[in-house]
N, C-alpha and C. Protein backbone atom coordinates (compact mmCIF):
# COMPACT_ATOMS: atom_id res chain seq x y z
N MET A 1 2.44 9.55 10.32
CA MET A 1 2.40 9.61 9.22
C MET A 1 0.80 10.72 8.70
N ASP A 2 1.03 10.64 7.68
CA ASP A 2 -0.13 11.20 6.79
C ASP A 2 -0.84 10.31 6.15
N ILE A 3 -1.58 9.56 6.41
CA ILE A 3 -2.88 9.01 5.75
C ILE A 3 -4.19 10.34 5.21
N ARG A 4 -3.87 10.22 4.10
CA ARG A 4 -4.97 10.85 2.98
C ARG A 4 -6.41 9.45 2.34
N GLN A 5 -7.60 9.29 2.57
CA GLN A 5 -8.71 9.02 2.17
C GLN A 5 -8.55 9.38 0.98
N ILE A 6 -9.08 8.18 0.17
CA ILE A 6 -8.82 8.26 -1.18
C ILE A 6 -10.59 8.75 -1.35
N ASP A 7 -10.90 7.40 -1.01
CA ASP A 7 -12.22 7.15 -1.17
C ASP A 7 -12.95 5.92 0.82
N GLU A 8 -14.02 5.48 0.62
CA GLU A 8 -14.40 4.55 1.53
C GLU A 8 -14.09 3.94 2.41
N ASN A 9 -12.92 3.37 1.49
CA ASN A 9 -12.18 1.53 1.02
C ASN A 9 -10.39 2.05 0.88
N TYR A 10 -10.08 2.67 0.83
CA TYR A 10 -9.02 3.02 0.84
C TYR A 10 -8.57 4.14 0.39
N SER A 11 -7.08 4.60 1.78
CA SER A 11 -6.01 5.10 2.07
C SER A 11 -4.49 5.01 1.51
N VAL A 12 -4.28 6.27 0.89
CA VAL A 12 -2.88 5.87 1.65
C VAL A 12 -1.89 6.74 2.28
N SER A 13 -0.68 7.16 2.44
CA SER A 13 0.14 7.08 3.25
C SER A 13 1.35 7.11 2.27
N GLY A 14 2.62 8.68 3.14
CA GLY A 14 4.02 7.76 2.17
C GLY A 14 4.74 6.99 3.36
N GLN A 15 5.71 6.09 2.92
CA GLN A 15 6.58 5.84 4.43
C GLN A 15 5.88 5.53 5.31
N ILE A 16 5.69 4.24 5.81
CA ILE A 16 5.39 4.05 6.79
C ILE A 16 7.03 3.18 7.51
N VAL A 17 6.59 2.58 8.34
CA VAL A 17 7.60 2.07 9.86
C VAL A 17 7.00 1.08 9.71
N PRO A 18 7.84 -0.17 10.31
CA PRO A 18 7.01 -0.98 11.28
C PRO A 18 6.49 -0.35 12.36
N GLU A 19 7.25 0.12 13.70
CA GLU A 19 6.16 0.81 14.42
C GLU A 19 5.40 1.76 14.37
N ASP A 20 4.79 1.49 13.01
CA ASP A 20 2.87 2.30 12.63
C ASP A 20 1.93 1.38 12.52
N VAL A 21 2.56 0.06 12.50
CA VAL A 21 1.66 -1.30 12.12
C VAL A 21 0.45 -0.74 13.16
N ARG A 22 0.76 -0.32 14.29
CA ARG A 22 -0.17 -1.02 15.58
C ARG A 22 -0.99 0.52 15.22
N GLU A 23 -0.40 1.17 15.03
CA GLU A 23 -1.84 2.78 14.49
C GLU A 23 -2.21 2.83 13.29
N ILE A 24 -2.21 1.57 12.62
CA ILE A 24 -2.39 1.35 11.71
C ILE A 24 -3.92 0.75 11.34
N ALA A 25 -3.30 -0.14 12.79
CA ALA A 25 -4.64 -1.74 12.63
C ALA A 25 -5.31 -1.02 13.90
N ALA A 26 -4.99 -0.12 14.94
CA ALA A 26 -6.65 0.49 15.49
C ALA A 26 -6.84 1.94 15.31
N ALA A 27 -6.79 2.26 13.64
CA ALA A 27 -7.38 2.98 13.07
C ALA A 27 -8.33 2.19 12.10
N GLY A 28 -8.07 0.92 12.49
CA GLY A 28 -9.42 0.85 11.15
C GLY A 28 -9.12 -0.49 9.91
N PHE A 29 -8.13 0.17 9.47
CA PHE A 29 -6.79 -0.68 8.28
C PHE A 29 -6.86 -1.94 8.49
N ARG A 30 -7.53 -3.16 7.65
CA ARG A 30 -7.22 -4.51 7.55
C ARG A 30 -6.32 -4.91 6.72
N THR A 31 -6.10 -4.30 5.69
CA THR A 31 -5.28 -4.15 4.90
C THR A 31 -3.52 -3.34 4.47
N ILE A 32 -2.92 -3.92 4.18
CA ILE A 32 -1.66 -2.74 3.59
C ILE A 32 -1.77 -3.15 2.77
N ILE A 33 -0.76 -2.31 1.28
CA ILE A 33 -0.27 -2.46 0.38
C ILE A 33 1.19 -0.93 0.60
N CYS A 34 1.50 -2.47 0.16
CA CYS A 34 3.67 -1.76 -0.10
C CYS A 34 2.46 -1.34 -1.67
N ASN A 35 3.56 -0.37 -2.23
CA ASN A 35 4.28 0.33 -3.25
C ASN A 35 5.12 0.77 -4.15
N ARG A 36 6.62 0.82 -2.34
CA ARG A 36 7.27 1.18 -2.31
C ARG A 36 8.75 0.32 -2.90
N PRO A 37 9.35 0.47 -3.99
CA PRO A 37 10.16 -0.86 -4.13
C PRO A 37 11.17 -1.26 -2.68
N ASP A 38 12.00 -2.08 -1.88
CA ASP A 38 12.76 -2.08 -1.22
C ASP A 38 14.02 -1.35 -1.44
N GLY A 39 14.65 -0.91 -0.59
CA GLY A 39 16.56 0.04 -0.70
C GLY A 39 15.93 1.36 -1.87
N GLU A 40 14.42 1.49 -1.79
CA GLU A 40 14.10 2.70 -3.19
C GLU A 40 15.67 3.73 -2.93
N ALA A 41 15.49 4.18 -1.65
CA ALA A 41 15.40 5.57 -0.70
C ALA A 41 16.90 5.13 -0.14
N GLY A 42 17.68 3.85 0.50
CA GLY A 42 18.71 3.51 0.61
C GLY A 42 18.25 2.39 1.93
N PRO A 43 19.82 2.64 2.70
CA PRO A 43 18.76 1.80 4.03
C PRO A 43 18.44 1.60 5.27
N GLU A 44 18.14 3.93 5.26
CA GLU A 44 17.55 3.95 6.37
C GLU A 44 15.49 3.88 5.46
N GLN A 45 15.38 3.48 5.08
CA GLN A 45 14.03 2.68 4.32
C GLN A 45 13.93 1.10 5.20
N PRO A 46 13.21 1.01 5.76
CA PRO A 46 12.61 0.05 6.52
C PRO A 46 12.39 -1.49 4.78
N ASP A 47 13.06 -2.65 5.44
CA ASP A 47 12.33 -3.76 4.47
C ASP A 47 10.45 -4.33 4.21
N PHE A 48 9.86 -4.05 3.11
CA PHE A 48 8.50 -4.25 3.80
C PHE A 48 8.70 -5.56 4.00
N ALA A 49 9.66 -6.52 4.04
CA ALA A 49 8.96 -7.76 5.16
C ALA A 49 9.05 -8.21 6.06
N ASP A 50 9.76 -6.57 6.66
CA ASP A 50 9.81 -6.10 8.14
C ASP A 50 8.63 -5.37 8.58
N VAL A 51 7.62 -4.94 7.98
CA VAL A 51 6.37 -4.44 7.84
C VAL A 51 5.78 -5.40 8.07
N ALA A 52 5.75 -6.02 6.94
CA ALA A 52 4.66 -7.58 6.59
C ALA A 52 4.69 -8.32 7.95
N ARG A 53 5.66 -8.25 8.83
CA ARG A 53 5.34 -8.88 9.77
C ARG A 53 4.72 -8.27 11.30
N GLU A 54 5.26 -7.97 11.45
CA GLU A 54 4.27 -6.05 12.32
C GLU A 54 2.72 -6.50 11.74
N ALA A 55 2.61 -6.58 10.02
CA ALA A 55 1.03 -6.21 10.60
C ALA A 55 0.36 -8.02 10.18
N GLU A 56 1.16 -8.84 10.27
CA GLU A 56 0.49 -10.33 10.42
C GLU A 56 0.75 -10.41 11.96
N LYS A 57 1.35 -9.57 12.66
CA LYS A 57 1.17 -10.04 14.45
C LYS A 57 -0.08 -9.22 15.06
N ALA A 58 -0.26 -7.69 13.80
CA ALA A 58 -1.51 -7.38 14.43
C ALA A 58 -2.83 -7.79 14.12
N GLY A 59 -2.56 -8.40 12.72
CA GLY A 59 -3.90 -9.63 12.66
C GLY A 59 -4.37 -8.77 11.09
N LEU A 60 -3.69 -8.34 10.43
CA LEU A 60 -3.55 -7.20 9.00
C LEU A 60 -3.07 -8.57 7.69
N LYS A 61 -3.55 -8.40 6.88
CA LYS A 61 -3.24 -9.12 5.47
C LYS A 61 -1.97 -7.36 4.93
N ALA A 62 -0.91 -8.25 4.29
CA ALA A 62 -0.14 -7.36 4.00
C ALA A 62 0.05 -7.80 2.86
N TYR A 63 0.52 -6.73 1.39
CA TYR A 63 0.99 -7.11 -0.31
C TYR A 63 2.29 -5.11 -0.43
N TYR A 64 3.13 -6.86 -1.14
CA TYR A 64 4.16 -6.39 -1.59
C TYR A 64 3.67 -6.08 -3.14
N ILE A 65 3.42 -4.79 -3.71
CA ILE A 65 3.16 -4.91 -5.02
C ILE A 65 4.62 -3.41 -5.39
N PRO A 66 5.70 -3.81 -5.27
CA PRO A 66 6.84 -2.18 -5.91
C PRO A 66 6.56 -1.54 -7.03
N VAL A 67 6.51 -0.72 -7.17
CA VAL A 67 6.01 -0.03 -8.69
C VAL A 67 7.52 1.35 -8.12
N ILE A 68 8.52 1.42 -9.65
CA ILE A 68 9.00 2.01 -9.34
C ILE A 68 8.59 3.44 -10.40
N GLY A 69 8.93 3.90 -9.47
CA GLY A 69 8.92 5.51 -10.51
C GLY A 69 8.44 6.33 -11.23
N GLY A 70 7.87 6.48 -11.97
CA GLY A 70 7.48 6.39 -13.46
C GLY A 70 7.28 6.12 -14.49
N GLN A 71 6.96 4.33 -13.65
CA GLN A 71 7.84 3.25 -14.92
C GLN A 71 6.43 2.25 -14.36
N LEU A 72 5.56 2.67 -13.77
CA LEU A 72 3.87 1.75 -13.54
C LEU A 72 3.90 1.41 -14.97
N THR A 73 3.36 -0.14 -14.81
CA THR A 73 3.39 -1.13 -15.73
C THR A 73 1.98 -1.74 -15.58
N GLN A 74 1.95 -2.47 -16.80
CA GLN A 74 0.41 -2.70 -16.18
C GLN A 74 0.00 -4.60 -15.29
N ASP A 75 1.32 -4.96 -15.27
CA ASP A 75 1.13 -5.73 -14.45
C ASP A 75 0.90 -5.58 -13.42
N ASP A 76 1.96 -4.29 -12.92
CA ASP A 76 1.91 -3.43 -11.55
C ASP A 76 -0.18 -2.88 -11.19
N VAL A 77 -0.29 -3.06 -12.42
CA VAL A 77 -2.02 -2.51 -12.17
C VAL A 77 -2.72 -4.04 -12.35
N ASP A 78 -2.85 -5.17 -12.63
CA ASP A 78 -3.04 -5.85 -12.08
C ASP A 78 -3.27 -6.64 -10.95
N ALA A 79 -1.40 -6.60 -10.64
CA ALA A 79 -1.63 -7.17 -9.27
C ALA A 79 -1.94 -5.90 -7.99
N HIS A 80 -1.81 -5.11 -8.03
CA HIS A 80 -2.95 -3.97 -7.36
C HIS A 80 -4.51 -4.57 -7.13
N ALA A 81 -4.26 -4.71 -8.88
CA ALA A 81 -6.26 -4.97 -8.97
C ALA A 81 -6.63 -5.95 -7.97
N LYS A 82 -5.96 -7.10 -8.77
CA LYS A 82 -5.86 -8.95 -7.94
C LYS A 82 -6.15 -8.53 -6.07
N ALA A 83 -4.91 -7.59 -5.59
CA ALA A 83 -4.94 -7.21 -3.91
C ALA A 83 -5.99 -6.70 -3.46
N LEU A 84 -6.62 -5.72 -4.13
CA LEU A 84 -7.52 -5.06 -3.89
C LEU A 84 -8.87 -5.64 -3.58
N GLU A 85 -9.22 -6.58 -5.37
CA GLU A 85 -9.98 -8.36 -4.72
C GLU A 85 -10.67 -9.20 -4.13
N GLU A 86 -9.11 -9.42 -3.62
CA GLU A 86 -8.81 -10.22 -2.70
C GLU A 86 -8.67 -9.64 -0.86
N ALA A 87 -8.72 -7.92 -0.60
CA ALA A 87 -8.69 -7.59 -0.02
C ALA A 87 -9.25 -7.22 1.00
N GLU A 88 -9.26 -7.17 2.58
CA GLU A 88 -10.34 -7.38 3.30
C GLU A 88 -9.82 -5.58 3.85
N GLY A 89 -11.62 -5.15 3.69
CA GLY A 89 -10.40 -2.66 3.71
C GLY A 89 -10.90 -2.78 5.29
N PRO A 90 -11.60 -1.42 5.57
CA PRO A 90 -10.66 -0.47 4.51
C PRO A 90 -9.55 -0.94 4.50
N VAL A 91 -7.86 -0.35 3.50
CA VAL A 91 -7.16 -0.45 2.68
C VAL A 91 -5.87 0.48 2.92
N LEU A 92 -4.76 0.58 2.99
CA LEU A 92 -3.94 1.62 3.27
C LEU A 92 -3.44 1.87 3.30
N ALA A 93 -2.76 2.06 1.06
CA ALA A 93 -1.14 1.63 0.38
C ALA A 93 -0.60 2.87 1.12
N TYR A 94 1.00 2.23 0.53
CA TYR A 94 2.38 3.59 0.84
C TYR A 94 2.08 3.32 -0.78
N CYS A 95 4.23 4.34 -0.44
CA CYS A 95 4.86 4.32 -1.11
C CYS A 95 5.73 5.50 -0.77
N ARG A 96 6.65 6.59 -1.12
CA ARG A 96 7.11 7.98 -0.47
C ARG A 96 6.82 8.46 -0.28
N SER A 97 5.44 9.29 -1.08
CA SER A 97 4.75 9.79 -0.91
C SER A 97 2.95 9.52 -0.43
N GLY A 98 2.83 8.37 -1.28
CA GLY A 98 1.82 8.03 -1.30
C GLY A 98 1.29 9.06 -3.01
N ALA A 99 1.29 9.08 -3.40
CA ALA A 99 1.46 9.20 -4.72
C ALA A 99 1.23 8.09 -6.05
N ARG A 100 2.54 7.40 -5.92
CA ARG A 100 1.85 6.48 -6.69
C ARG A 100 0.77 5.22 -6.37
N SER A 101 0.33 5.16 -4.93
CA SER A 101 -0.13 4.50 -4.91
C SER A 101 -1.64 4.99 -4.66
N THR A 102 -1.57 6.06 -4.88
CA THR A 102 -3.41 6.78 -5.54
C THR A 102 -3.22 7.29 -6.61
N ASN A 103 -2.67 7.10 -7.40
CA ASN A 103 -1.97 6.67 -8.97
C ASN A 103 -2.67 5.29 -10.10
N ILE A 104 -2.38 4.37 -8.75
CA ILE A 104 -2.41 2.91 -9.54
C ILE A 104 -3.68 2.99 -8.93
N TYR A 105 -4.26 3.53 -8.08
CA TYR A 105 -5.74 3.31 -7.82
C TYR A 105 -6.58 3.65 -9.00
N GLY A 106 -6.33 4.75 -8.64
CA GLY A 106 -6.89 6.02 -10.42
C GLY A 106 -6.93 4.68 -11.58
N ILE A 107 -6.31 4.46 -11.84
CA ILE A 107 -6.06 3.61 -13.01
C ILE A 107 -7.03 2.44 -12.58
N VAL A 108 -6.18 1.06 -11.58
CA VAL A 108 -7.49 0.30 -11.30
C VAL A 108 -8.94 0.67 -11.39
N GLN A 109 -9.95 1.38 -10.71
CA GLN A 109 -10.80 2.38 -11.46
C GLN A 109 -11.49 2.60 -11.99
N GLN A 110 -10.40 3.25 -12.93
CA GLN A 110 -10.49 3.74 -14.76
C GLN A 110 -10.69 1.99 -15.09
N GLN A 111 -10.26 0.95 -15.19
CA GLN A 111 -10.46 -0.16 -16.19
C GLN A 111 -11.39 -1.28 -15.50
N LYS A 112 -12.14 -0.90 -14.34
CA LYS A 112 -12.98 -1.27 -13.92
C LYS A 112 -14.50 -0.56 -14.38
N ARG A 113 -14.12 0.48 -14.58
CA ARG A 113 -15.30 1.21 -15.22
C ARG A 113 -15.20 0.83 -16.69
N GLY A 114 -14.71 0.17 -17.36
CA GLY A 114 -14.20 -0.10 -18.99
C GLY A 114 -13.91 1.76 -19.55
């Protein structure tokens, strides 16, 4: 797992698997946000439901905000902003490479600043 810290409360990574969740919790994260649509990479990609089940067992909150690569919408940004408002941090967001999760966070922050 390649976790990259964006700020004190938000980090990103590429695709995680259910087995990573215990390590994520042990690293101090309290919330996971998935920005990758189920099935994007084919059948070898774990479904969000499997990650969410492990997150619940580990005491983490999990949000599913799938963003289609290159097709970020205002609805996606609004959903991400809402999740961040509700989320207990620190937050780990993931997608294929971490780029979508980084980009959507940057847009949320820009909109908060006006």
